[in-house]
Protein backbone atom coordinates (compact mmCIF):
# COMPACT_ATOMS: atom_id res chain seq x y z
CA MET A 1 116.97 114.67 99.70
CA TYR A 2 119.16 112.36 97.66
CA ALA A 3 116.41 111.15 95.36
CA THR A 4 115.72 114.67 94.14
CA GLN A 5 119.39 115.11 93.30
CA TRP A 6 119.45 111.79 91.44
CA LEU A 7 116.35 112.64 89.42
CA MET A 8 117.33 116.23 88.62
CA THR A 9 120.76 115.23 87.34
CA ILE A 10 119.56 111.95 85.81
CA PHE A 11 122.05 110.08 88.03
CA THR A 12 125.12 111.92 86.67
CA ASN A 13 125.97 113.63 89.94
CA SER A 14 127.27 110.70 91.98
CA PHE A 15 126.68 107.33 90.32
CA PRO A 16 129.38 105.31 88.53
CA PHE A 17 130.01 106.34 84.92
CA SER A 18 129.11 102.84 83.69
CA PHE A 19 125.63 103.13 85.23
CA VAL A 20 125.16 106.72 84.02
CA THR A 21 125.96 105.81 80.41
CA LEU A 22 123.43 102.97 80.48
CA VAL A 23 120.74 105.25 81.91
CA TRP A 24 121.46 108.00 79.39
CA ASP A 25 121.47 105.56 76.49
CA VAL A 26 117.93 104.51 77.29
CA PHE A 27 116.90 108.02 78.36
CA LEU A 28 117.86 109.49 75.00
CA HIS A 29 115.95 106.75 73.22
CA GLU A 30 112.83 106.38 75.38
CA GLY A 31 112.63 109.42 77.66
CA TRP A 32 111.94 109.90 81.36
CA LYS A 33 110.41 106.51 81.97
CA ILE A 34 113.85 104.92 82.48
CA VAL A 35 114.78 107.49 85.10
CA PHE A 36 111.74 106.54 87.18
CA ARG A 37 112.37 102.84 86.59
CA CYS A 38 115.97 103.14 87.79
CA TYR A 39 114.88 105.07 90.86
CA ILE A 40 112.25 102.44 91.67
CA ALA A 41 114.78 99.61 91.08
CA ILE A 42 117.30 101.23 93.43
CA MET A 43 114.67 101.78 96.11
CA LYS A 44 113.25 98.25 95.80
CA HIS A 45 116.74 96.79 96.05
CA SER A 46 117.54 98.97 99.08
CA ALA A 47 114.18 98.67 100.87
CA PRO A 48 115.00 95.69 103.15
CA LYS A 49 118.02 97.52 104.57
CA LEU A 50 116.40 100.95 104.66
CA LEU A 51 113.36 99.77 106.61
CA ARG A 52 115.62 98.77 109.51
CA MET A 53 117.43 102.13 109.68
CA ASP A 54 116.77 105.34 111.50
CA PHE A 55 116.97 108.67 109.67
CA GLU A 56 120.69 109.28 110.24
CA GLN A 57 121.60 105.77 109.12
CA ALA A 58 119.44 106.14 106.00
CA MET A 59 121.14 109.43 105.09
CA MET A 60 124.57 107.79 105.42
CA PHE A 61 123.32 104.83 103.37
CA PHE A 62 122.17 107.12 100.54
CA ARG A 63 125.45 109.03 100.64
CA GLU A 64 127.41 105.79 100.10
CA LEU A 65 124.92 104.00 97.82
CA PRO A 66 125.90 105.44 94.40
CA GLY A 67 129.41 104.00 94.60
CA LYS A 68 128.04 100.53 95.33
CA VAL A 69 125.59 100.27 92.43
CA ASP A 70 126.30 97.62 89.81
CA GLY A 71 125.10 99.41 86.69
CA VAL A 72 124.36 96.35 84.58
CA ILE A 73 122.38 94.55 87.30
CA MET A 74 120.48 97.70 88.28
CA MET A 75 119.61 98.43 84.65
CA GLN A 76 118.31 94.88 84.21
CA ARG A 77 116.13 95.32 87.29
CA ALA A 78 114.93 98.71 86.08
CA LEU A 79 113.98 97.44 82.63
CA ALA A 80 112.02 94.61 84.24
CA ILE A 81 109.70 97.09 85.99
CA PRO A 82 106.49 97.45 83.98
CA LEU A 83 105.89 101.19 83.97
CA LYS A 84 103.58 102.77 81.42
CA GLY A 85 103.38 106.43 80.46
CA ARG A 86 99.72 106.40 81.47
CA GLU A 87 100.69 105.19 84.96
CA ILE A 88 103.19 108.02 85.34
CA GLN A 89 100.53 110.52 84.25
CA ARG A 90 97.99 109.02 86.67
CA LEU A 91 100.47 109.31 89.56
CA ARG A 92 101.37 112.87 88.56
CA LEU A 93 97.70 113.88 88.64
CA LYS A 94 97.19 112.13 91.97
CA TYR A 95 100.18 114.01 93.40
CA GLN A 96 98.82 117.34 92.12
CA VAL A 97 95.46 116.71 93.77
CA ILE A 98 97.10 115.82 97.10
CA LYS A 99 99.36 118.87 96.90
CA GLN A 100 96.42 121.16 96.12
CA ARG A 101 94.43 119.80 99.08
CA GLU A 102 97.37 120.36 101.41
CA GLU A 103 97.77 123.93 100.17
CA GLU A 104 94.05 124.55 100.70
CA LYS A 105 94.27 123.19 104.27
CA MET A 106 97.24 125.43 105.03
CA ALA A 107 95.46 128.45 103.55
CA ALA A 108 92.38 127.69 105.65
CA ARG A 109 94.52 127.48 108.81
CA ASP A 110 96.26 130.75 108.05
CA SER A 111 93.01 132.69 107.59
């Protein structure tokens, strides 16, 4: 729920201005890759805590997380993630195949 909001607004909705300006600097120069890298960096950093939480705790964690992000450190972590355009395209195609199969299963159940 929160990740979609972060990605659709390219972090401008709730993250500190210092982090947003760093993300947008790179975004305007290199494109969407930095958005995915930042998302992955935030999730990797948060994973040890998140894995011990139930759903309600995780939702509260995500609500409070943007205000706790150190923009410089998170950007350094994001830029260290090796993510290629080809990898993004491969994952996009994989997602489309999975989604199509699920839609076909639902259509088969409905008929």
